[in-house]
Amino acid sequence: MTGPARVVAPNPSADDDAELIEASRLRPERFAAIFDRYFTEIHRYVDRRLGADAADDIAAETFLVAFRKRDRFDPARDSARPWLYGIATRLVSRHRRNESRRYRALARVGVDPHAEGPEDRVAARVTASGTGFQLSSALAGLSRGDRDVLLLVALGDLTYEEVAQALGIAYGTVCSRLSRARRKVRAALGDLGDLGGRKGGEENHG
């Protein structure tokens, strides 16, 4: 004879992002799980764009803004990644002059002193022998919108749909901006391989 079914307490870490954010409206401490899940990659993304000096502050501010605006998160979206990358990108945009100066400095030096490894497509291209100054110069010359789309795909590994969610723009706008950015970078660098290319089987519009 079997006994009563064992009741297993829910594991908060197994909740999806929407559930955690919804719960955090009444229990603010639940938002800490969102921080734990995404801080490292948001920090890495900001580091790649503005450098380590700015990354700590902007990554922290990203989550502070997200916490304050958590009631605006769309619960129909299970993942908070696009939302957080959108907040981080808007904060980065306040420093766009610094970002452009950083890329121009990299173009002169030819290497990225903050590069970590080949998993980062843009950083890997920046640090590649003979290509760093061309790519850095091309990135510095992109418009803010085009650069945001390209780097969300290449650094954040977001799909085109996620980029559209992050920036609050149409899917078609993502495609056109990415295509334009890739053409400009190609003109400076040549064959880019998969830089800003297909994401999750989506059509390449470049």
N, C-alpha and C. Protein backbone atom coordinates (compact mmCIF):
# COMPACT_ATOMS: atom_id res chain seq x y z
N MET A 1 0.84 -1.19 0.00
CA MET A 1 0.00 0.00 0.00
C MET A 1 0.88 1.23 0.00
N THR A 2 0.63 2.08 -0.91
CA THR A 2 1.45 3.27 -1.02
C THR A 2 0.93 4.36 -0.12
N GLY A 3 1.83 5.18 0.35
CA GLY A 3 1.46 6.28 1.23
C GLY A 3 0.99 7.47 0.41
N PRO A 4 0.64 8.56 1.08
CA PRO A 4 0.20 9.75 0.39
C PRO A 4 1.31 10.33 -0.48
N ALA A 5 0.90 10.96 -1.55
CA ALA A 5 1.88 11.56 -2.45
C ALA A 5 2.70 12.60 -1.71
N ARG A 6 4.00 12.59 -1.98
CA ARG A 6 4.90 13.54 -1.33
C ARG A 6 4.72 14.92 -1.95
N VAL A 7 4.52 15.90 -1.13
CA VAL A 7 4.38 17.28 -1.60
C VAL A 7 5.76 17.91 -1.66
N VAL A 8 6.13 18.37 -2.85
CA VAL A 8 7.44 18.99 -3.03
C VAL A 8 7.27 20.50 -3.06
N ALA A 9 7.99 21.18 -2.18
CA ALA A 9 7.90 22.64 -2.15
C ALA A 9 8.44 23.21 -3.44
N PRO A 10 7.79 24.23 -3.98
CA PRO A 10 8.28 24.82 -5.22
C PRO A 10 9.65 25.43 -5.05
N ASN A 11 10.44 25.34 -6.08
CA ASN A 11 11.79 25.91 -6.08
C ASN A 11 11.72 27.29 -6.73
N PRO A 12 11.93 28.36 -5.97
CA PRO A 12 11.81 29.69 -6.55
C PRO A 12 12.72 29.91 -7.73
N SER A 13 13.89 29.25 -7.73
CA SER A 13 14.83 29.45 -8.83
C SER A 13 14.32 28.85 -10.12
N ALA A 14 13.31 27.96 -10.01
CA ALA A 14 12.77 27.33 -11.21
C ALA A 14 11.66 28.17 -11.85
N ASP A 15 11.18 29.20 -11.16
CA ASP A 15 10.14 30.05 -11.71
C ASP A 15 10.65 30.79 -12.93
N ASP A 16 9.75 31.03 -13.89
CA ASP A 16 10.19 31.81 -15.03
C ASP A 16 10.23 33.28 -14.64
N ASP A 17 10.81 34.08 -15.52
CA ASP A 17 11.03 35.48 -15.18
C ASP A 17 9.73 36.22 -14.90
N ALA A 18 8.72 35.97 -15.71
CA ALA A 18 7.44 36.67 -15.53
C ALA A 18 6.85 36.37 -14.15
N GLU A 19 6.95 35.11 -13.71
CA GLU A 19 6.43 34.74 -12.40
C GLU A 19 7.19 35.44 -11.28
N LEU A 20 8.51 35.51 -11.44
CA LEU A 20 9.33 36.17 -10.42
C LEU A 20 9.02 37.67 -10.34
N ILE A 21 8.92 38.29 -11.50
CA ILE A 21 8.66 39.73 -11.51
C ILE A 21 7.27 40.03 -10.96
N GLU A 22 6.31 39.19 -11.32
CA GLU A 22 4.95 39.37 -10.79
C GLU A 22 4.95 39.21 -9.28
N ALA A 23 5.65 38.18 -8.79
CA ALA A 23 5.70 37.94 -7.34
C ALA A 23 6.41 39.09 -6.62
N SER A 24 7.37 39.70 -7.29
CA SER A 24 8.16 40.76 -6.65
C SER A 24 7.36 42.03 -6.41
N ARG A 25 6.20 42.14 -7.04
CA ARG A 25 5.38 43.32 -6.79
C ARG A 25 4.90 43.37 -5.34
N LEU A 26 4.64 42.19 -4.77
CA LEU A 26 4.23 42.11 -3.38
C LEU A 26 5.38 41.70 -2.46
N ARG A 27 6.33 40.96 -3.04
CA ARG A 27 7.49 40.51 -2.28
C ARG A 27 8.75 40.96 -3.01
N PRO A 28 9.19 42.18 -2.78
CA PRO A 28 10.31 42.75 -3.54
C PRO A 28 11.57 41.89 -3.54
N GLU A 29 11.78 41.12 -2.49
CA GLU A 29 12.99 40.31 -2.43
C GLU A 29 13.06 39.26 -3.53
N ARG A 30 11.91 38.91 -4.14
CA ARG A 30 11.92 37.92 -5.22
C ARG A 30 12.65 38.42 -6.46
N PHE A 31 12.76 39.74 -6.58
CA PHE A 31 13.45 40.30 -7.75
C PHE A 31 14.94 39.97 -7.74
N ALA A 32 15.46 39.60 -6.59
CA ALA A 32 16.89 39.25 -6.51
C ALA A 32 17.24 38.10 -7.44
N ALA A 33 16.28 37.21 -7.70
CA ALA A 33 16.55 36.09 -8.60
C ALA A 33 16.78 36.57 -10.03
N ILE A 34 16.09 37.64 -10.43
CA ILE A 34 16.31 38.22 -11.76
C ILE A 34 17.71 38.80 -11.84
N PHE A 35 18.11 39.49 -10.80
CA PHE A 35 19.47 40.03 -10.73
C PHE A 35 20.50 38.91 -10.86
N ASP A 36 20.30 37.85 -10.09
CA ASP A 36 21.26 36.75 -10.10
C ASP A 36 21.36 36.09 -11.47
N ARG A 37 20.24 36.00 -12.16
CA ARG A 37 20.24 35.32 -13.45
C ARG A 37 20.94 36.11 -14.54
N TYR A 38 20.81 37.42 -14.51
CA TYR A 38 21.19 38.21 -15.68
C TYR A 38 22.27 39.25 -15.45
N PHE A 39 22.67 39.49 -14.22
CA PHE A 39 23.64 40.57 -14.00
C PHE A 39 24.93 40.34 -14.76
N THR A 40 25.46 39.14 -14.73
CA THR A 40 26.76 38.87 -15.36
C THR A 40 26.73 39.19 -16.85
N GLU A 41 25.69 38.75 -17.55
CA GLU A 41 25.68 38.99 -18.99
C GLU A 41 25.38 40.45 -19.33
N ILE A 42 24.55 41.11 -18.53
CA ILE A 42 24.31 42.54 -18.77
C ILE A 42 25.59 43.32 -18.51
N HIS A 43 26.30 42.97 -17.47
CA HIS A 43 27.58 43.62 -17.17
C HIS A 43 28.56 43.42 -18.32
N ARG A 44 28.64 42.20 -18.85
CA ARG A 44 29.55 41.90 -19.95
C ARG A 44 29.21 42.73 -21.18
N TYR A 45 27.91 42.84 -21.46
CA TYR A 45 27.44 43.62 -22.62
C TYR A 45 27.86 45.10 -22.48
N VAL A 46 27.64 45.69 -21.32
CA VAL A 46 28.00 47.09 -21.12
C VAL A 46 29.52 47.26 -21.16
N ASP A 47 30.24 46.32 -20.59
CA ASP A 47 31.70 46.35 -20.62
C ASP A 47 32.20 46.39 -22.05
N ARG A 48 31.60 45.57 -22.92
CA ARG A 48 32.02 45.53 -24.31
C ARG A 48 31.77 46.85 -25.02
N ARG A 49 30.76 47.57 -24.58
CA ARG A 49 30.41 48.81 -25.26
C ARG A 49 31.10 50.03 -24.68
N LEU A 50 31.27 50.07 -23.37
CA LEU A 50 31.81 51.28 -22.73
C LEU A 50 33.06 51.04 -21.92
N GLY A 51 33.42 49.79 -21.70
CA GLY A 51 34.60 49.49 -20.90
C GLY A 51 34.25 49.19 -19.46
N ALA A 52 35.23 48.64 -18.76
CA ALA A 52 35.00 48.16 -17.39
C ALA A 52 34.66 49.28 -16.42
N ASP A 53 35.21 50.46 -16.64
CA ASP A 53 34.99 51.56 -15.68
C ASP A 53 33.51 51.92 -15.58
N ALA A 54 32.80 51.86 -16.70
CA ALA A 54 31.38 52.22 -16.71
C ALA A 54 30.46 51.04 -16.44
N ALA A 55 30.96 49.83 -16.66
CA ALA A 55 30.10 48.65 -16.62
C ALA A 55 29.47 48.42 -15.25
N ASP A 56 30.24 48.58 -14.19
CA ASP A 56 29.69 48.33 -12.85
C ASP A 56 28.48 49.22 -12.57
N ASP A 57 28.66 50.51 -12.81
CA ASP A 57 27.58 51.45 -12.50
C ASP A 57 26.37 51.26 -13.39
N ILE A 58 26.59 51.09 -14.69
CA ILE A 58 25.46 51.00 -15.61
C ILE A 58 24.73 49.68 -15.45
N ALA A 59 25.45 48.59 -15.24
CA ALA A 59 24.78 47.30 -15.02
C ALA A 59 23.94 47.36 -13.75
N ALA A 60 24.48 47.94 -12.70
CA ALA A 60 23.72 48.07 -11.46
C ALA A 60 22.50 48.95 -11.67
N GLU A 61 22.68 50.05 -12.41
CA GLU A 61 21.55 50.95 -12.66
C GLU A 61 20.47 50.28 -13.50
N THR A 62 20.89 49.40 -14.41
CA THR A 62 19.93 48.65 -15.22
C THR A 62 18.94 47.91 -14.34
N PHE A 63 19.43 47.24 -13.32
CA PHE A 63 18.56 46.45 -12.45
C PHE A 63 17.78 47.34 -11.49
N LEU A 64 18.34 48.48 -11.13
CA LEU A 64 17.60 49.41 -10.30
C LEU A 64 16.40 49.97 -11.07
N VAL A 65 16.64 50.34 -12.33
CA VAL A 65 15.55 50.82 -13.18
C VAL A 65 14.51 49.73 -13.38
N ALA A 66 14.99 48.51 -13.66
CA ALA A 66 14.07 47.39 -13.88
C ALA A 66 13.21 47.14 -12.64
N PHE A 67 13.83 47.20 -11.48
CA PHE A 67 13.08 46.97 -10.23
C PHE A 67 12.01 48.05 -10.05
N ARG A 68 12.38 49.29 -10.29
CA ARG A 68 11.43 50.38 -10.11
C ARG A 68 10.28 50.32 -11.11
N LYS A 69 10.57 49.75 -12.28
CA LYS A 69 9.55 49.70 -13.34
C LYS A 69 9.01 48.29 -13.55
N ARG A 70 9.15 47.44 -12.56
CA ARG A 70 8.77 46.04 -12.73
C ARG A 70 7.27 45.87 -12.99
N ASP A 71 6.46 46.86 -12.57
CA ASP A 71 5.03 46.75 -12.82
C ASP A 71 4.70 46.97 -14.30
N ARG A 72 5.68 47.44 -15.07
CA ARG A 72 5.46 47.66 -16.50
C ARG A 72 5.88 46.47 -17.35
N PHE A 73 6.50 45.49 -16.72
CA PHE A 73 6.94 44.31 -17.48
C PHE A 73 5.73 43.55 -18.00
N ASP A 74 5.78 43.16 -19.26
CA ASP A 74 4.69 42.43 -19.89
C ASP A 74 4.74 40.97 -19.45
N PRO A 75 3.78 40.51 -18.63
CA PRO A 75 3.82 39.13 -18.13
C PRO A 75 3.62 38.09 -19.22
N ALA A 76 3.20 38.53 -20.42
CA ALA A 76 3.05 37.57 -21.52
C ALA A 76 4.41 37.11 -22.04
N ARG A 77 5.46 37.81 -21.68
CA ARG A 77 6.81 37.46 -22.11
C ARG A 77 7.52 36.74 -20.98
N ASP A 78 7.83 35.49 -21.20
CA ASP A 78 8.42 34.69 -20.14
C ASP A 78 9.82 35.17 -19.74
N SER A 79 10.60 35.63 -20.72
CA SER A 79 11.98 36.01 -20.45
C SER A 79 12.12 37.51 -20.26
N ALA A 80 12.92 37.88 -19.27
CA ALA A 80 13.20 39.30 -19.03
C ALA A 80 14.43 39.78 -19.78
N ARG A 81 15.12 38.90 -20.50
CA ARG A 81 16.37 39.29 -21.18
C ARG A 81 16.20 40.48 -22.11
N PRO A 82 15.25 40.44 -23.06
CA PRO A 82 15.13 41.58 -23.97
C PRO A 82 14.83 42.88 -23.23
N TRP A 83 13.98 42.79 -22.23
CA TRP A 83 13.61 43.96 -21.43
C TRP A 83 14.84 44.55 -20.75
N LEU A 84 15.66 43.71 -20.13
CA LEU A 84 16.85 44.18 -19.44
C LEU A 84 17.89 44.73 -20.41
N TYR A 85 18.06 44.06 -21.55
CA TYR A 85 19.00 44.58 -22.55
C TYR A 85 18.52 45.92 -23.10
N GLY A 86 17.21 46.08 -23.22
CA GLY A 86 16.68 47.36 -23.68
C GLY A 86 16.99 48.47 -22.70
N ILE A 87 16.81 48.20 -21.41
CA ILE A 87 17.12 49.20 -20.39
C ILE A 87 18.61 49.53 -20.42
N ALA A 88 19.45 48.50 -20.48
CA ALA A 88 20.89 48.71 -20.50
C ALA A 88 21.30 49.52 -21.73
N THR A 89 20.69 49.22 -22.88
CA THR A 89 21.04 49.93 -24.11
C THR A 89 20.65 51.39 -24.03
N ARG A 90 19.51 51.68 -23.44
CA ARG A 90 19.11 53.07 -23.28
C ARG A 90 20.06 53.81 -22.34
N LEU A 91 20.53 53.13 -21.30
CA LEU A 91 21.50 53.76 -20.41
C LEU A 91 22.84 53.96 -21.11
N VAL A 92 23.24 53.00 -21.92
CA VAL A 92 24.47 53.15 -22.70
C VAL A 92 24.37 54.35 -23.64
N SER A 93 23.17 54.58 -24.18
CA SER A 93 23.01 55.66 -25.16
C SER A 93 23.33 57.02 -24.55
N ARG A 94 23.21 57.14 -23.25
CA ARG A 94 23.57 58.40 -22.59
C ARG A 94 25.07 58.66 -22.68
N HIS A 95 25.80 57.59 -22.95
CA HIS A 95 27.25 57.69 -23.02
C HIS A 95 27.76 57.46 -24.44
N ARG A 96 26.91 57.72 -25.44
CA ARG A 96 27.27 57.38 -26.81
C ARG A 96 28.52 58.11 -27.28
N ARG A 97 28.75 59.33 -26.78
CA ARG A 97 29.99 60.02 -27.16
C ARG A 97 31.20 59.28 -26.61
N ASN A 98 31.08 58.81 -25.36
CA ASN A 98 32.18 58.03 -24.79
C ASN A 98 32.41 56.74 -25.57
N GLU A 99 31.30 56.12 -26.00
CA GLU A 99 31.43 54.88 -26.76
C GLU A 99 32.14 55.13 -28.08
N SER A 100 31.73 56.18 -28.78
CA SER A 100 32.37 56.49 -30.05
C SER A 100 33.85 56.80 -29.85
N ARG A 101 34.16 57.55 -28.81
CA ARG A 101 35.57 57.85 -28.53
C ARG A 101 36.35 56.58 -28.23
N ARG A 102 35.69 55.65 -27.52
CA ARG A 102 36.37 54.39 -27.19
C ARG A 102 36.69 53.61 -28.45
N TYR A 103 35.74 53.52 -29.37
CA TYR A 103 35.99 52.79 -30.61
C TYR A 103 37.07 53.47 -31.45
N ARG A 104 37.07 54.79 -31.44
CA ARG A 104 38.12 55.49 -32.20
C ARG A 104 39.48 55.26 -31.58
N ALA A 105 39.52 55.20 -30.23
CA ALA A 105 40.78 54.89 -29.57
C ALA A 105 41.24 53.48 -29.90
N LEU A 106 40.29 52.54 -29.92
CA LEU A 106 40.63 51.16 -30.29
C LEU A 106 41.11 51.10 -31.72
N ALA A 107 40.53 51.94 -32.58
CA ALA A 107 40.96 51.95 -33.97
C ALA A 107 42.41 52.39 -34.09
N ARG A 108 42.82 53.31 -33.21
CA ARG A 108 44.21 53.75 -33.25
C ARG A 108 45.15 52.70 -32.67
N VAL A 109 44.70 52.06 -31.58
CA VAL A 109 45.56 51.08 -30.90
C VAL A 109 45.53 49.73 -31.62
N GLY A 110 44.33 49.34 -32.09
CA GLY A 110 44.20 48.09 -32.82
C GLY A 110 43.85 46.89 -31.97
N VAL A 111 43.72 47.07 -30.64
CA VAL A 111 43.34 45.96 -29.77
C VAL A 111 42.37 46.47 -28.73
N ASP A 112 41.59 45.53 -28.16
CA ASP A 112 40.66 45.85 -27.08
C ASP A 112 41.27 45.35 -25.78
N PRO A 113 41.66 46.25 -24.86
CA PRO A 113 42.30 45.79 -23.63
C PRO A 113 41.38 44.99 -22.73
N HIS A 114 40.05 45.01 -23.00
CA HIS A 114 39.10 44.28 -22.16
C HIS A 114 38.64 42.97 -22.79
N ALA A 115 39.22 42.57 -23.91
CA ALA A 115 38.76 41.35 -24.59
C ALA A 115 38.96 40.13 -23.71
N GLU A 116 37.97 39.21 -23.73
CA GLU A 116 38.03 38.02 -22.87
C GLU A 116 38.18 36.73 -23.66
N GLY A 117 37.64 36.66 -24.86
CA GLY A 117 37.75 35.40 -25.57
C GLY A 117 36.94 35.37 -26.84
N PRO A 118 37.06 34.27 -27.60
CA PRO A 118 36.44 34.19 -28.92
C PRO A 118 34.93 34.04 -28.90
N GLU A 119 34.34 33.80 -27.72
CA GLU A 119 32.90 33.65 -27.68
C GLU A 119 32.19 34.96 -27.98
N ASP A 120 32.88 36.05 -27.81
CA ASP A 120 32.32 37.37 -28.08
C ASP A 120 32.70 37.75 -29.50
N ARG A 121 31.73 37.70 -30.42
CA ARG A 121 32.04 37.88 -31.83
C ARG A 121 32.69 39.21 -32.13
N VAL A 122 32.11 40.29 -31.62
CA VAL A 122 32.67 41.59 -31.92
C VAL A 122 34.04 41.75 -31.29
N ALA A 123 34.17 41.37 -30.02
CA ALA A 123 35.45 41.51 -29.35
C ALA A 123 36.51 40.67 -30.05
N ALA A 124 36.12 39.48 -30.48
CA ALA A 124 37.08 38.62 -31.17
C ALA A 124 37.54 39.28 -32.46
N ARG A 125 36.62 39.93 -33.18
CA ARG A 125 36.99 40.60 -34.42
C ARG A 125 37.87 41.81 -34.12
N VAL A 126 37.55 42.53 -33.03
CA VAL A 126 38.33 43.70 -32.69
C VAL A 126 39.78 43.32 -32.39
N THR A 127 39.96 42.19 -31.70
CA THR A 127 41.30 41.80 -31.28
C THR A 127 42.04 40.99 -32.34
N ALA A 128 41.35 40.63 -33.41
CA ALA A 128 42.00 39.83 -34.46
C ALA A 128 43.08 40.66 -35.14
N SER A 129 44.19 40.04 -35.40
CA SER A 129 45.31 40.73 -36.03
C SER A 129 44.92 41.30 -37.38
N GLY A 130 45.21 42.59 -37.56
CA GLY A 130 44.98 43.22 -38.86
C GLY A 130 43.57 43.68 -39.10
N THR A 131 42.61 43.42 -38.17
CA THR A 131 41.23 43.83 -38.41
C THR A 131 40.72 44.79 -37.35
N GLY A 132 41.44 44.91 -36.22
CA GLY A 132 40.90 45.68 -35.10
C GLY A 132 40.60 47.11 -35.45
N PHE A 133 41.53 47.79 -36.06
CA PHE A 133 41.31 49.22 -36.29
C PHE A 133 40.21 49.45 -37.30
N GLN A 134 40.06 48.55 -38.31
CA GLN A 134 38.98 48.74 -39.28
C GLN A 134 37.62 48.58 -38.64
N LEU A 135 37.45 47.53 -37.82
CA LEU A 135 36.15 47.29 -37.20
C LEU A 135 35.82 48.37 -36.18
N SER A 136 36.78 48.73 -35.36
CA SER A 136 36.52 49.76 -34.37
C SER A 136 36.12 51.07 -35.03
N SER A 137 36.81 51.41 -36.11
CA SER A 137 36.48 52.63 -36.83
C SER A 137 35.09 52.55 -37.43
N ALA A 138 34.73 51.38 -37.97
CA ALA A 138 33.40 51.21 -38.57
C ALA A 138 32.31 51.31 -37.51
N LEU A 139 32.52 50.71 -36.34
CA LEU A 139 31.54 50.79 -35.26
C LEU A 139 31.36 52.22 -34.78
N ALA A 140 32.48 52.96 -34.71
CA ALA A 140 32.40 54.36 -34.29
C ALA A 140 31.59 55.18 -35.27
N GLY A 141 31.59 54.79 -36.54
CA GLY A 141 30.91 55.56 -37.57
C GLY A 141 29.44 55.22 -37.75
N LEU A 142 28.96 54.17 -37.08
CA LEU A 142 27.55 53.80 -37.21
C LEU A 142 26.66 54.76 -36.45
N SER A 143 25.43 54.91 -36.91
CA SER A 143 24.45 55.67 -36.15
C SER A 143 24.14 54.91 -34.87
N ARG A 144 23.60 55.62 -33.88
CA ARG A 144 23.30 54.97 -32.61
C ARG A 144 22.34 53.80 -32.80
N GLY A 145 21.28 54.01 -33.59
CA GLY A 145 20.29 52.96 -33.78
C GLY A 145 20.86 51.73 -34.46
N ASP A 146 21.67 51.95 -35.50
CA ASP A 146 22.27 50.83 -36.20
C ASP A 146 23.25 50.09 -35.31
N ARG A 147 24.03 50.83 -34.55
CA ARG A 147 25.01 50.20 -33.66
C ARG A 147 24.32 49.40 -32.57
N ASP A 148 23.23 49.96 -32.01
CA ASP A 148 22.50 49.24 -30.97
C ASP A 148 22.01 47.89 -31.47
N VAL A 149 21.42 47.87 -32.66
CA VAL A 149 20.90 46.62 -33.20
C VAL A 149 22.02 45.63 -33.44
N LEU A 150 23.08 46.07 -34.08
CA LEU A 150 24.20 45.18 -34.38
C LEU A 150 24.79 44.58 -33.11
N LEU A 151 24.99 45.40 -32.08
CA LEU A 151 25.65 44.90 -30.88
C LEU A 151 24.73 44.10 -29.98
N LEU A 152 23.43 44.36 -30.05
CA LEU A 152 22.50 43.49 -29.31
C LEU A 152 22.50 42.08 -29.90
N VAL A 153 22.63 42.00 -31.22
CA VAL A 153 22.70 40.68 -31.86
C VAL A 153 24.06 40.04 -31.60
N ALA A 154 25.14 40.80 -31.82
CA ALA A 154 26.47 40.22 -31.76
C ALA A 154 26.98 40.03 -30.34
N LEU A 155 26.68 40.95 -29.44
CA LEU A 155 27.17 40.85 -28.07
C LEU A 155 26.15 40.23 -27.13
N GLY A 156 24.88 40.62 -27.28
CA GLY A 156 23.83 40.10 -26.41
C GLY A 156 23.28 38.77 -26.87
N ASP A 157 23.60 38.38 -28.11
CA ASP A 157 23.10 37.12 -28.68
C ASP A 157 21.57 37.09 -28.68
N LEU A 158 20.95 38.25 -28.90
CA LEU A 158 19.49 38.32 -28.97
C LEU A 158 19.03 37.98 -30.39
N THR A 159 17.86 37.40 -30.49
CA THR A 159 17.24 37.18 -31.78
C THR A 159 16.70 38.50 -32.31
N TYR A 160 16.34 38.55 -33.58
CA TYR A 160 15.80 39.78 -34.14
C TYR A 160 14.52 40.18 -33.40
N GLU A 161 13.69 39.21 -33.08
CA GLU A 161 12.45 39.50 -32.35
C GLU A 161 12.76 40.07 -30.97
N GLU A 162 13.76 39.52 -30.30
CA GLU A 162 14.14 40.02 -28.98
C GLU A 162 14.71 41.43 -29.07
N VAL A 163 15.47 41.71 -30.12
CA VAL A 163 15.99 43.07 -30.32
C VAL A 163 14.83 44.04 -30.50
N ALA A 164 13.83 43.64 -31.28
CA ALA A 164 12.65 44.48 -31.48
C ALA A 164 11.97 44.77 -30.14
N GLN A 165 11.85 43.76 -29.29
CA GLN A 165 11.26 43.94 -27.97
C GLN A 165 12.13 44.87 -27.12
N ALA A 166 13.44 44.65 -27.16
CA ALA A 166 14.35 45.43 -26.33
C ALA A 166 14.31 46.91 -26.66
N LEU A 167 14.24 47.22 -27.94
CA LEU A 167 14.32 48.62 -28.38
C LEU A 167 12.95 49.24 -28.63
N GLY A 168 11.90 48.42 -28.59
CA GLY A 168 10.56 48.93 -28.85
C GLY A 168 10.38 49.39 -30.28
N ILE A 169 10.96 48.63 -31.22
CA ILE A 169 10.85 48.95 -32.63
C ILE A 169 10.28 47.75 -33.38
N ALA A 170 9.89 47.97 -34.63
CA ALA A 170 9.32 46.89 -35.43
C ALA A 170 10.40 45.89 -35.85
N TYR A 171 9.96 44.66 -36.06
CA TYR A 171 10.87 43.61 -36.52
C TYR A 171 11.55 44.02 -37.82
N GLY A 172 10.79 44.60 -38.73
CA GLY A 172 11.35 45.03 -40.00
C GLY A 172 12.41 46.10 -39.84
N THR A 173 12.23 46.96 -38.84
CA THR A 173 13.24 47.99 -38.57
C THR A 173 14.53 47.37 -38.09
N VAL A 174 14.41 46.32 -37.27
CA VAL A 174 15.61 45.60 -36.83
C VAL A 174 16.36 45.06 -38.04
N CYS A 175 15.63 44.44 -38.95
CA CYS A 175 16.26 43.86 -40.14
C CYS A 175 16.95 44.91 -40.99
N SER A 176 16.28 46.04 -41.20
CA SER A 176 16.86 47.07 -42.05
C SER A 176 18.08 47.72 -41.40
N ARG A 177 17.99 47.97 -40.09
CA ARG A 177 19.14 48.56 -39.40
C ARG A 177 20.33 47.61 -39.38
N LEU A 178 20.06 46.33 -39.13
CA LEU A 178 21.14 45.35 -39.10
C LEU A 178 21.78 45.21 -40.47
N SER A 179 20.95 45.18 -41.50
CA SER A 179 21.48 45.06 -42.86
C SER A 179 22.37 46.25 -43.19
N ARG A 180 21.92 47.45 -42.83
CA ARG A 180 22.70 48.65 -43.11
C ARG A 180 24.01 48.65 -42.33
N ALA A 181 23.94 48.26 -41.05
CA ALA A 181 25.14 48.22 -40.22
C ALA A 181 26.14 47.21 -40.77
N ARG A 182 25.65 46.05 -41.16
CA ARG A 182 26.55 45.01 -41.67
C ARG A 182 27.21 45.44 -42.97
N ARG A 183 26.46 46.13 -43.83
CA ARG A 183 27.06 46.61 -45.08
C ARG A 183 28.20 47.57 -44.80
N LYS A 184 27.99 48.48 -43.84
CA LYS A 184 29.03 49.46 -43.53
C LYS A 184 30.25 48.80 -42.91
N VAL A 185 30.01 47.83 -42.03
CA VAL A 185 31.14 47.15 -41.40
C VAL A 185 31.87 46.28 -42.41
N ARG A 186 31.11 45.62 -43.28
CA ARG A 186 31.73 44.81 -44.34
C ARG A 186 32.63 45.67 -45.22
N ALA A 187 32.16 46.87 -45.53
CA ALA A 187 32.95 47.74 -46.39
C ALA A 187 34.29 48.07 -45.75
N ALA A 188 34.31 48.13 -44.42
CA ALA A 188 35.56 48.44 -43.72
C ALA A 188 36.41 47.21 -43.48
N LEU A 189 35.75 46.05 -43.32
CA LEU A 189 36.46 44.87 -42.85
C LEU A 189 36.51 43.73 -43.86
N GLY A 190 35.54 43.68 -44.75
CA GLY A 190 35.48 42.55 -45.66
C GLY A 190 34.54 41.49 -45.14
N ASP A 191 34.85 40.21 -45.34
CA ASP A 191 33.99 39.10 -44.96
C ASP A 191 33.90 39.01 -43.44
N LEU A 192 32.68 39.12 -42.90
CA LEU A 192 32.48 39.12 -41.45
C LEU A 192 32.03 37.79 -40.89
N GLY A 193 31.88 36.78 -41.71
CA GLY A 193 31.35 35.53 -41.21
C GLY A 193 29.96 35.72 -40.66
N ASP A 194 29.74 35.33 -39.38
CA ASP A 194 28.40 35.38 -38.82
C ASP A 194 28.16 36.60 -37.95
N LEU A 195 29.00 37.63 -38.05
CA LEU A 195 28.81 38.82 -37.24
C LEU A 195 27.47 39.46 -37.54
N GLY A 196 26.58 39.45 -36.54
CA GLY A 196 25.26 40.03 -36.72
C GLY A 196 24.44 39.32 -37.76
N GLY A 197 24.73 38.06 -38.00
CA GLY A 197 24.03 37.32 -39.05
C GLY A 197 22.79 36.63 -38.55
N ARG A 198 22.54 35.42 -39.01
CA ARG A 198 21.30 34.74 -38.68
C ARG A 198 21.23 34.40 -37.21
N LYS A 199 20.05 34.57 -36.65
CA LYS A 199 19.82 34.27 -35.25
C LYS A 199 18.66 33.31 -35.14
N GLY A 200 18.94 32.13 -34.71
CA GLY A 200 17.88 31.16 -34.46
C GLY A 200 17.06 30.84 -35.70
N GLY A 201 17.74 30.73 -36.85
CA GLY A 201 17.04 30.35 -38.07
C GLY A 201 16.32 31.50 -38.75
N GLU A 202 16.51 32.72 -38.25
CA GLU A 202 15.81 33.84 -38.84
C GLU A 202 16.48 34.22 -40.14
N GLU A 203 15.72 34.84 -40.96
CA GLU A 203 16.22 35.19 -42.27
C GLU A 203 17.26 36.28 -42.20
N ASN A 204 18.32 36.12 -42.96
CA ASN A 204 19.38 37.11 -43.05
C ASN A 204 19.00 38.12 -44.12
N HIS A 205 18.84 39.38 -43.72
CA HIS A 205 18.40 40.39 -44.64
C HIS A 205 19.55 41.22 -45.17
N GLY A 206 20.77 40.80 -44.89
CA GLY A 206 21.92 41.57 -45.34
C GLY A 206 22.27 41.24 -46.76
